[in-house]
Amino acid sequence: MAEKKAALVTGGSSGIGLSCAKALQARGWRVFTLSRREEGPDGFEHIRADVGDAADCRRAVDAVLGRAGRLDLLVNCAGFGISGAAEFTPDGEAESQVRVNLFGTANMCKAVIPQMRRQGGGRILNISSFAALTPIPFQIWYSVSKAGINSYTMALANELRPFGIAAAAVMPGDTKTGFTDVRRKCPEGDDVYHGAISRSVRKMEKDERSGMSPDAAGNLVARLAERKRLRPLYTVGFGYKCLALLFKLLPAALSNRILGMMYAS
């Protein structure tokens, strides 16, 4: 009987991460979930770690290798969101956003690459966001962190190709998960912006709560895990694919004006 391939899903305790873990397990993968929680979801081997801590990431990968002897897939889902005006968002909050979302992704990639290189191959799928393509006013640092993931992933794919390691970024749009309720909000300056901050965040939260199921992203990730060839970027959902094409074709000034009308008016 063939040995099961092993996957490690960060942020695997809830939301898109948990959907990824379930979809992979349904396809026969041995799935390890990783989060800062002591206990993971039922039915999965769980590892507690903080992706913002590079040493913690290395220990987590060593733990997977100690149990499975291999690591074929890394899915980076760990992250969170903040909102607020650029001039009023505390530096510490902005730095935390980038440290977890972007550098947390990089920490995990750095931890798994040596093992995948020794194995002669592997796959890395980083969960980005549609906000990477359409930077959202008053969610500037979240958008920056996700755009950084796209750039990081595209460069990484070229670096790792000679070793048989593939990398891609997956960009969900509005998704109905607990992510919305734990967003860190900085309402300071809302009076200066004549209420635009609170209006923008309310609209985003309404869109998220009526958004797609996290299973849409989870199922796509599971399919990509087994696809022979990968493109560097994938958008989740037909509607968002159409929007991505539209924003690509429109002049930057016009597309940015549309975003302003949607989220900064």
C-alpha atoms as a PDB file:
ATOM      1  CA  MET A   1       0.000   0.000   0.000  1.00  0.00           C
ATOM      2  CA  ALA A   2       1.407   3.387  -1.060  1.00  0.00           C
ATOM      3  CA  GLU A   3       2.395   5.752   1.715  1.00  0.00           C
ATOM      4  CA  LYS A   4       0.060   8.713   2.089  1.00  0.00           C
ATOM      5  CA  LYS A   5       1.415  12.072   1.054  1.00  0.00           C
ATOM      6  CA  ALA A   6       1.682  14.545   3.936  1.00  0.00           C
ATOM      7  CA  ALA A   7       0.286  18.072   3.966  1.00  0.00           C
ATOM      8  CA  LEU A   8       0.701  20.832   6.546  1.00  0.00           C
ATOM      9  CA  VAL A   9      -2.016  23.503   6.659  1.00  0.00           C
ATOM     10  CA  THR A  10      -1.335  26.626   8.708  1.00  0.00           C
ATOM     11  CA  GLY A  11      -4.383  28.362  10.125  1.00  0.00           C
ATOM     12  CA  GLY A  12      -5.984  24.947   9.803  1.00  0.00           C
ATOM     13  CA  SER A  13      -8.226  25.208  12.868  1.00  0.00           C
ATOM     14  CA  SER A  14     -10.937  27.293  11.225  1.00  0.00           C
ATOM     15  CA  GLY A  15     -12.207  29.069   8.137  1.00  0.00           C
ATOM     16  CA  ILE A  16     -10.471  28.542   4.812  1.00  0.00           C
ATOM     17  CA  GLY A  17      -7.638  26.629   6.470  1.00  0.00           C
ATOM     18  CA  LEU A  18     -10.000  24.055   7.942  1.00  0.00           C
ATOM     19  CA  SER A  19     -11.801  23.725   4.601  1.00  0.00           C
ATOM     20  CA  CYS A  20      -8.442  23.083   2.914  1.00  0.00           C
ATOM     21  CA  ALA A  21      -7.584  20.433   5.502  1.00  0.00           C
ATOM     22  CA  LYS A  22     -10.930  18.660   5.041  1.00  0.00           C
ATOM     23  CA  ALA A  23     -10.744  18.731   1.243  1.00  0.00           C
ATOM     24  CA  LEU A  24      -7.207  17.340   1.248  1.00  0.00           C
ATOM     25  CA  GLN A  25      -8.083  14.615   3.720  1.00  0.00           C
ATOM     26  CA  ALA A  26     -11.050  13.611   1.559  1.00  0.00           C
ATOM     27  CA  ARG A  27      -8.575  13.069  -1.285  1.00  0.00           C
ATOM     28  CA  GLY A  28      -6.452  10.743   0.817  1.00  0.00           C
ATOM     29  CA  TRP A  29      -3.782  13.087   2.158  1.00  0.00           C
ATOM     30  CA  ARG A  30      -2.372  12.777   5.654  1.00  0.00           C
ATOM     31  CA  VAL A  31      -3.130  16.262   6.943  1.00  0.00           C
ATOM     32  CA  PHE A  32      -1.468  18.135   9.790  1.00  0.00           C
ATOM     33  CA  THR A  33      -3.110  21.345  10.988  1.00  0.00           C
ATOM     34  CA  LEU A  34      -1.140  24.175  12.573  1.00  0.00           C
ATOM     35  CA  SER A  35      -2.350  27.130  14.608  1.00  0.00           C
ATOM     36  CA  ARG A  36      -1.715  28.906  17.888  1.00  0.00           C
ATOM     37  CA  ARG A  37      -4.507  26.894  19.512  1.00  0.00           C
ATOM     38  CA  GLU A  38      -3.587  24.082  21.865  1.00  0.00           C
ATOM     39  CA  GLU A  39      -6.221  21.782  20.374  1.00  0.00           C
ATOM     40  CA  GLY A  40      -6.912  21.338  16.700  1.00  0.00           C
ATOM     41  CA  PRO A  41     -10.048  20.236  14.842  1.00  0.00           C
ATOM     42  CA  ASP A  42     -11.241  16.677  15.318  1.00  0.00           C
ATOM     43  CA  GLY A  43      -9.806  14.128  12.939  1.00  0.00           C
ATOM     44  CA  PHE A  44      -6.521  15.866  12.238  1.00  0.00           C
ATOM     45  CA  GLU A  45      -3.020  15.732  13.671  1.00  0.00           C
ATOM     46  CA  HIS A  46      -2.492  19.153  15.188  1.00  0.00           C
ATOM     47  CA  ILE A  47       0.642  21.156  15.902  1.00  0.00           C
ATOM     48  CA  ARG A  48       0.659  24.315  17.977  1.00  0.00           C
ATOM     49  CA  ALA A  49       2.925  27.034  16.573  1.00  0.00           C
ATOM     50  CA  ASP A  50       3.084  30.756  15.851  1.00  0.00           C
ATOM     51  CA  VAL A  51       3.937  31.443  12.202  1.00  0.00           C
ATOM     52  CA  GLY A  52       5.347  34.803  13.234  1.00  0.00           C
ATOM     53  CA  ASP A  53       8.151  32.965  15.054  1.00  0.00           C
ATOM     54  CA  ALA A  54      10.678  31.449  12.624  1.00  0.00           C
ATOM     55  CA  ALA A  55      12.024  29.006  15.218  1.00  0.00           C
ATOM     56  CA  ASP A  56       8.482  27.848  15.985  1.00  0.00           C
ATOM     57  CA  CYS A  57       7.942  27.184  12.279  1.00  0.00           C
ATOM     58  CA  ARG A  58      11.075  25.053  12.064  1.00  0.00           C
ATOM     59  CA  ARG A  59       9.994  23.055  15.122  1.00  0.00           C
ATOM     60  CA  ALA A  60       6.566  22.486  13.565  1.00  0.00           C
ATOM     61  CA  VAL A  61       8.059  21.147  10.346  1.00  0.00           C
ATOM     62  CA  ASP A  62      10.410  18.903  12.321  1.00  0.00           C
ATOM     63  CA  ALA A  63       7.377  17.566  14.196  1.00  0.00           C
ATOM     64  CA  VAL A  64       5.638  16.665  10.933  1.00  0.00           C
ATOM     65  CA  LEU A  65       8.756  14.968   9.611  1.00  0.00           C
ATOM     66  CA  GLY A  66       9.142  13.068  12.873  1.00  0.00           C
ATOM     67  CA  ARG A  67       5.631  11.643  12.492  1.00  0.00           C
ATOM     68  CA  ALA A  68       5.241  11.299   8.727  1.00  0.00           C
ATOM     69  CA  GLY A  69       8.826  11.142   7.503  1.00  0.00           C
ATOM     70  CA  ARG A  70       7.981  13.456   4.611  1.00  0.00           C
ATOM     71  CA  LEU A  71       6.219  16.696   3.727  1.00  0.00           C
ATOM     72  CA  ASP A  72       4.755  17.011   0.258  1.00  0.00           C
ATOM     73  CA  LEU A  73       2.515  20.063   0.569  1.00  0.00           C
ATOM     74  CA  LEU A  74       2.462  23.294   2.559  1.00  0.00           C
ATOM     75  CA  VAL A  75      -0.722  25.372   2.560  1.00  0.00           C
ATOM     76  CA  ASN A  76      -0.236  28.782   4.179  1.00  0.00           C
ATOM     77  CA  CYS A  77      -3.607  30.001   5.473  1.00  0.00           C
ATOM     78  CA  ALA A  78      -2.649  31.600   8.789  1.00  0.00           C
ATOM     79  CA  GLY A  79      -3.443  35.288   8.953  1.00  0.00           C
ATOM     80  CA  PHE A  80      -5.800  37.999  10.156  1.00  0.00           C
ATOM     81  CA  GLY A  81      -7.091  41.407   9.097  1.00  0.00           C
ATOM     82  CA  ILE A  82      -6.969  44.952  10.401  1.00  0.00           C
ATOM     83  CA  SER A  83      -8.822  48.060   9.274  1.00  0.00           C
ATOM     84  CA  GLY A  84      -8.291  51.774   9.694  1.00  0.00           C
ATOM     85  CA  ALA A  85      -6.997  54.866   7.936  1.00  0.00           C
ATOM     86  CA  ALA A  86      -3.330  54.749   6.950  1.00  0.00           C
ATOM     87  CA  GLU A  87      -2.466  57.875   8.948  1.00  0.00           C
ATOM     88  CA  PHE A  88      -4.157  56.665  12.131  1.00  0.00           C
ATOM     89  CA  THR A  89      -3.352  52.927  12.156  1.00  0.00           C
ATOM     90  CA  PRO A  90      -0.821  52.347  14.982  1.00  0.00           C
ATOM     91  CA  ASP A  91       2.595  51.306  13.720  1.00  0.00           C
ATOM     92  CA  GLY A  92       2.513  48.207  15.895  1.00  0.00           C
ATOM     93  CA  GLU A  93      -0.758  47.035  14.349  1.00  0.00           C
ATOM     94  CA  ALA A  94       0.518  47.574  10.820  1.00  0.00           C
ATOM     95  CA  GLU A  95       3.758  45.758  11.601  1.00  0.00           C
ATOM     96  CA  SER A  96       1.856  42.869  13.198  1.00  0.00           C
ATOM     97  CA  GLN A  97      -0.341  42.559  10.102  1.00  0.00           C
ATOM     98  CA  VAL A  98       2.631  42.256   7.773  1.00  0.00           C
ATOM     99  CA  ARG A  99       4.610  40.075  10.185  1.00  0.00           C
ATOM    100  CA  VAL A 100       1.893  37.444  10.468  1.00  0.00           C
ATOM    101  CA  ASN A 101       0.397  37.486   6.968  1.00  0.00           C
ATOM    102  CA  LEU A 102       3.521  38.008   4.877  1.00  0.00           C
ATOM    103  CA  PHE A 103       6.494  37.061   7.024  1.00  0.00           C
ATOM    104  CA  GLY A 104       4.531  34.204   8.595  1.00  0.00           C
ATOM    105  CA  THR A 105       4.111  32.798   5.092  1.00  0.00           C
ATOM    106  CA  ALA A 106       7.815  33.331   4.404  1.00  0.00           C
ATOM    107  CA  ASN A 107       8.822  31.695   7.708  1.00  0.00           C
ATOM    108  CA  MET A 108       6.876  28.551   6.872  1.00  0.00           C
ATOM    109  CA  CYS A 109       8.229  28.416   3.329  1.00  0.00           C
ATOM    110  CA  LYS A 110      11.799  28.731   4.580  1.00  0.00           C
ATOM    111  CA  ALA A 111      11.152  25.908   7.038  1.00  0.00           C
ATOM    112  CA  VAL A 112       9.820  23.450   4.432  1.00  0.00           C
ATOM    113  CA  ILE A 113      11.991  24.199   1.410  1.00  0.00           C
ATOM    114  CA  PRO A 114      15.101  22.280   2.574  1.00  0.00           C
ATOM    115  CA  GLN A 115      13.045  19.108   3.120  1.00  0.00           C
ATOM    116  CA  MET A 116      11.235  19.436  -0.203  1.00  0.00           C
ATOM    117  CA  ARG A 117      14.562  19.949  -1.952  1.00  0.00           C
ATOM    118  CA  ARG A 118      15.948  16.787  -0.340  1.00  0.00           C
ATOM    119  CA  GLN A 119      12.843  14.880  -1.436  1.00  0.00           C
ATOM    120  CA  GLY A 120      13.245  16.113  -4.980  1.00  0.00           C
ATOM    121  CA  GLY A 121       9.927  17.946  -5.042  1.00  0.00           C
ATOM    122  CA  GLY A 122       6.976  19.399  -3.234  1.00  0.00           C
ATOM    123  CA  ARG A 123       4.261  21.997  -3.481  1.00  0.00           C
ATOM    124  CA  ILE A 124       3.560  25.301  -1.697  1.00  0.00           C
ATOM    125  CA  LEU A 125       0.151  26.988  -1.901  1.00  0.00           C
ATOM    126  CA  ASN A 126      -0.148  30.404  -0.265  1.00  0.00           C
ATOM    127  CA  ILE A 127      -3.573  31.847   0.505  1.00  0.00           C
ATOM    128  CA  SER A 128      -3.580  35.449  -0.646  1.00  0.00           C
ATOM    129  CA  SER A 129      -6.699  37.541  -1.302  1.00  0.00           C
ATOM    130  CA  PHE A 130      -8.524  39.331  -4.071  1.00  0.00           C
ATOM    131  CA  ALA A 131      -7.479  42.437  -2.127  1.00  0.00           C
ATOM    132  CA  ALA A 132      -3.969  41.841  -3.475  1.00  0.00           C
ATOM    133  CA  LEU A 133      -5.297  42.866  -6.901  1.00  0.00           C
ATOM    134  CA  THR A 134      -7.741  45.505  -5.676  1.00  0.00           C
ATOM    135  CA  PRO A 135      -6.198  47.403  -2.723  1.00  0.00           C
ATOM    136  CA  ILE A 136      -9.028  48.326  -0.366  1.00  0.00           C
ATOM    137  CA  PRO A 137      -9.196  51.786   1.223  1.00  0.00           C
ATOM    138  CA  PHE A 138      -9.114  51.624   5.033  1.00  0.00           C
ATOM    139  CA  GLN A 139      -7.765  48.080   4.814  1.00  0.00           C
ATOM    140  CA  ILE A 140      -4.488  49.252   3.414  1.00  0.00           C
ATOM    141  CA  TRP A 141      -2.131  47.057   5.454  1.00  0.00           C
ATOM    142  CA  TYR A 142      -4.171  43.918   4.852  1.00  0.00           C
ATOM    143  CA  SER A 143      -4.052  44.662   1.118  1.00  0.00           C
ATOM    144  CA  VAL A 144      -0.306  45.319   1.295  1.00  0.00           C
ATOM    145  CA  SER A 145       0.337  42.046   3.113  1.00  0.00           C
ATOM    146  CA  LYS A 146      -1.625  40.064   0.522  1.00  0.00           C
ATOM    147  CA  ALA A 147      -0.029  41.833  -2.452  1.00  0.00           C
ATOM    148  CA  GLY A 148       3.295  40.958  -0.843  1.00  0.00           C
ATOM    149  CA  ILE A 149       2.278  37.292  -0.735  1.00  0.00           C
ATOM    150  CA  ASN A 150       1.556  37.379  -4.471  1.00  0.00           C
ATOM    151  CA  SER A 151       4.932  38.912  -5.287  1.00  0.00           C
ATOM    152  CA  TYR A 152       6.748  36.596  -2.882  1.00  0.00           C
ATOM    153  CA  THR A 153       5.047  33.528  -4.361  1.00  0.00           C
ATOM    154  CA  MET A 154       5.720  34.436  -7.969  1.00  0.00           C
ATOM    155  CA  ALA A 155       9.424  35.014  -7.294  1.00  0.00           C
ATOM    156  CA  LEU A 156       9.597  31.873  -5.152  1.00  0.00           C
ATOM    157  CA  ALA A 157       8.099  29.736  -7.931  1.00  0.00           C
ATOM    158  CA  ASN A 158      10.949  30.699 -10.254  1.00  0.00           C
ATOM    159  CA  GLU A 159      13.591  30.116  -7.600  1.00  0.00           C
ATOM    160  CA  LEU A 160      12.307  26.653  -6.715  1.00  0.00           C
ATOM    161  CA  ARG A 161      11.399  25.317 -10.152  1.00  0.00           C
ATOM    162  CA  PRO A 162      14.834  23.681 -10.730  1.00  0.00           C
ATOM    163  CA  PHE A 163      14.257  21.567  -7.591  1.00  0.00           C
ATOM    164  CA  GLY A 164      10.864  20.245  -8.668  1.00  0.00           C
ATOM    165  CA  ILE A 165       9.046  22.435  -6.110  1.00  0.00           C
ATOM    166  CA  ALA A 166       5.977  24.313  -7.357  1.00  0.00           C
ATOM    167  CA  ALA A 167       4.445  27.384  -5.708  1.00  0.00           C
ATOM    168  CA  ALA A 168       1.238  29.324  -6.329  1.00  0.00           C
ATOM    169  CA  ALA A 169      -0.938  31.905  -4.589  1.00  0.00           C
ATOM    170  CA  VAL A 170      -4.704  31.430  -4.250  1.00  0.00           C
ATOM    171  CA  MET A 171      -6.873  34.564  -4.041  1.00  0.00           C
ATOM    172  CA  PRO A 172     -10.329  34.174  -2.482  1.00  0.00           C
ATOM    173  CA  GLY A 173     -12.785  37.037  -2.573  1.00  0.00           C
ATOM    174  CA  ASP A 174     -15.373  37.757   0.116  1.00  0.00           C
ATOM    175  CA  THR A 175     -15.741  34.572   2.158  1.00  0.00           C
ATOM    176  CA  LYS A 176     -18.110  33.776   4.994  1.00  0.00           C
ATOM    177  CA  THR A 177     -15.859  32.782   7.925  1.00  0.00           C
ATOM    178  CA  GLY A 178     -15.040  33.849  11.476  1.00  0.00           C
ATOM    179  CA  PHE A 179     -12.334  36.093   9.980  1.00  0.00           C
ATOM    180  CA  THR A 180     -14.850  38.954   9.872  1.00  0.00           C
ATOM    181  CA  ASP A 181     -15.605  38.911  13.593  1.00  0.00           C
ATOM    182  CA  VAL A 182     -11.955  38.959  14.689  1.00  0.00           C
ATOM    183  CA  ARG A 183     -10.804  41.785  12.420  1.00  0.00           C
ATOM    184  CA  ARG A 184      -8.828  44.334  14.454  1.00  0.00           C
ATOM    185  CA  LYS A 185     -10.440  47.730  13.931  1.00  0.00           C
ATOM    186  CA  CYS A 186      -8.830  51.122  14.378  1.00  0.00           C
ATOM    187  CA  PRO A 187     -11.733  53.621  14.236  1.00  0.00           C
ATOM    188  CA  GLU A 188      -9.532  56.586  15.147  1.00  0.00           C
ATOM    189  CA  GLY A 189      -9.920  59.440  12.696  1.00  0.00           C
ATOM    190  CA  ASP A 190     -13.393  58.454  11.540  1.00  0.00           C
ATOM    191  CA  ASP A 191     -14.558  61.982  12.325  1.00  0.00           C
ATOM    192  CA  VAL A 192     -11.728  63.413  10.235  1.00  0.00           C
ATOM    193  CA  TYR A 193     -12.803  61.204   7.315  1.00  0.00           C
ATOM    194  CA  HIS A 194     -16.474  62.115   7.837  1.00  0.00           C
ATOM    195  CA  GLY A 195     -17.467  58.551   8.751  1.00  0.00           C
ATOM    196  CA  ALA A 196     -15.879  56.942   5.688  1.00  0.00           C
ATOM    197  CA  ILE A 197     -13.845  54.475   7.800  1.00  0.00           C
ATOM    198  CA  SER A 198     -16.846  52.987   9.556  1.00  0.00           C
ATOM    199  CA  ARG A 199     -18.923  52.959   6.343  1.00  0.00           C
ATOM    200  CA  SER A 200     -16.147  51.148   4.485  1.00  0.00           C
ATOM    201  CA  VAL A 201     -15.716  48.507   7.166  1.00  0.00           C
ATOM    202  CA  ARG A 202     -19.476  47.948   7.455  1.00  0.00           C
ATOM    203  CA  LYS A 203     -19.722  47.386   3.698  1.00  0.00           C
ATOM    204  CA  MET A 204     -16.796  44.967   3.723  1.00  0.00           C
ATOM    205  CA  GLU A 205     -18.251  43.011   6.624  1.00  0.00           C
ATOM    206  CA  LYS A 206     -21.652  42.812   4.948  1.00  0.00           C
ATOM    207  CA  ASP A 207     -20.010  41.504   1.769  1.00  0.00           C
ATOM    208  CA  GLU A 208     -18.002  38.949   3.721  1.00  0.00           C
ATOM    209  CA  ARG A 209     -20.981  37.656   5.687  1.00  0.00           C
ATOM    210  CA  SER A 210     -22.879  37.083   2.458  1.00  0.00           C
ATOM    211  CA  GLY A 211     -19.806  35.810   0.642  1.00  0.00           C
ATOM    212  CA  MET A 212     -18.846  32.427  -0.733  1.00  0.00           C
ATOM    213  CA  SER A 213     -18.330  29.335   1.391  1.00  0.00           C
ATOM    214  CA  PRO A 214     -14.740  28.680   2.507  1.00  0.00           C
ATOM    215  CA  ASP A 215     -15.147  25.293   0.831  1.00  0.00           C
ATOM    216  CA  ALA A 216     -14.771  27.037  -2.550  1.00  0.00           C
ATOM    217  CA  ALA A 217     -11.180  27.901  -1.687  1.00  0.00           C
ATOM    218  CA  GLY A 218     -10.583  24.603   0.117  1.00  0.00           C
ATOM    219  CA  ASN A 219     -11.710  22.527  -2.849  1.00  0.00           C
ATOM    220  CA  LEU A 220      -9.590  24.566  -5.254  1.00  0.00           C
ATOM    221  CA  VAL A 221      -6.525  24.130  -3.051  1.00  0.00           C
ATOM    222  CA  ALA A 222      -7.096  20.361  -2.921  1.00  0.00           C
ATOM    223  CA  ARG A 223      -7.310  20.194  -6.711  1.00  0.00           C
ATOM    224  CA  LEU A 224      -4.194  22.326  -7.157  1.00  0.00           C
ATOM    225  CA  ALA A 225      -2.312  20.071  -4.743  1.00  0.00           C
ATOM    226  CA  GLU A 226      -2.554  17.300  -7.326  1.00  0.00           C
ATOM    227  CA  ARG A 227      -2.459  19.272 -10.572  1.00  0.00           C
ATOM    228  CA  LYS A 228       0.555  18.513 -12.748  1.00  0.00           C
ATOM    229  CA  ARG A 229       1.370  22.118 -13.587  1.00  0.00           C
ATOM    230  CA  LEU A 230       0.585  25.317 -11.685  1.00  0.00           C
ATOM    231  CA  ARG A 231       0.111  28.898 -12.731  1.00  0.00           C
ATOM    232  CA  PRO A 232       1.524  31.427 -10.250  1.00  0.00           C
ATOM    233  CA  LEU A 233      -1.870  32.986  -9.340  1.00  0.00           C
ATOM    234  CA  TYR A 234      -5.407  31.610  -8.999  1.00  0.00           C
ATOM    235  CA  THR A 235      -8.612  33.519  -8.284  1.00  0.00           C
ATOM    236  CA  VAL A 236     -11.421  31.710  -6.455  1.00  0.00           C
ATOM    237  CA  GLY A 237     -14.890  31.915  -7.987  1.00  0.00           C
ATOM    238  CA  PHE A 238     -16.145  32.729 -11.490  1.00  0.00           C
ATOM    239  CA  GLY A 239     -17.383  36.196 -10.509  1.00  0.00           C
ATOM    240  CA  TYR A 240     -14.040  37.193  -9.057  1.00  0.00           C
ATOM    241  CA  LYS A 241     -12.221  35.825 -12.108  1.00  0.00           C
ATOM    242  CA  CYS A 242     -14.318  38.143 -14.242  1.00  0.00           C
ATOM    243  CA  LEU A 243     -13.589  41.082 -11.937  1.00  0.00           C
ATOM    244  CA  ALA A 244      -9.858  40.298 -12.013  1.00  0.00           C
ATOM    245  CA  LEU A 245      -9.914  40.401 -15.813  1.00  0.00           C
ATOM    246  CA  LEU A 246     -11.922  43.630 -15.811  1.00  0.00           C
ATOM    247  CA  PHE A 247      -9.539  45.391 -13.427  1.00  0.00           C
ATOM    248  CA  LYS A 248      -6.607  44.160 -15.491  1.00  0.00           C
ATOM    249  CA  LEU A 249      -8.065  45.659 -18.674  1.00  0.00           C
ATOM    250  CA  LEU A 250      -9.190  48.970 -17.193  1.00  0.00           C
ATOM    251  CA  PRO A 251      -6.751  51.889 -16.870  1.00  0.00           C
ATOM    252  CA  ALA A 252      -5.311  51.985 -13.357  1.00  0.00           C
ATOM    253  CA  ALA A 253      -6.787  55.418 -12.673  1.00  0.00           C
ATOM    254  CA  LEU A 254     -10.278  54.209 -13.531  1.00  0.00           C
ATOM    255  CA  SER A 255     -10.093  50.943 -11.613  1.00  0.00           C
ATOM    256  CA  ASN A 256      -8.747  52.754  -8.563  1.00  0.00           C
ATOM    257  CA  ARG A 257     -11.509  55.359  -8.811  1.00  0.00           C
ATOM    258  CA  ILE A 258     -14.080  52.536  -8.823  1.00  0.00           C
ATOM    259  CA  LEU A 259     -12.515  51.061  -5.682  1.00  0.00           C
ATOM    260  CA  GLY A 260     -12.681  54.489  -4.079  1.00  0.00           C
ATOM    261  CA  MET A 261     -16.356  54.824  -4.905  1.00  0.00           C
ATOM    262  CA  MET A 262     -17.011  51.367  -3.424  1.00  0.00           C
ATOM    263  CA  TYR A 263     -15.001  51.612  -0.217  1.00  0.00           C
ATOM    264  CA  ALA A 264     -13.997  55.220   0.451  1.00  0.00           C
ATOM    265  CA  SER A 265     -17.108  57.269  -0.232  1.00  0.00           C
END
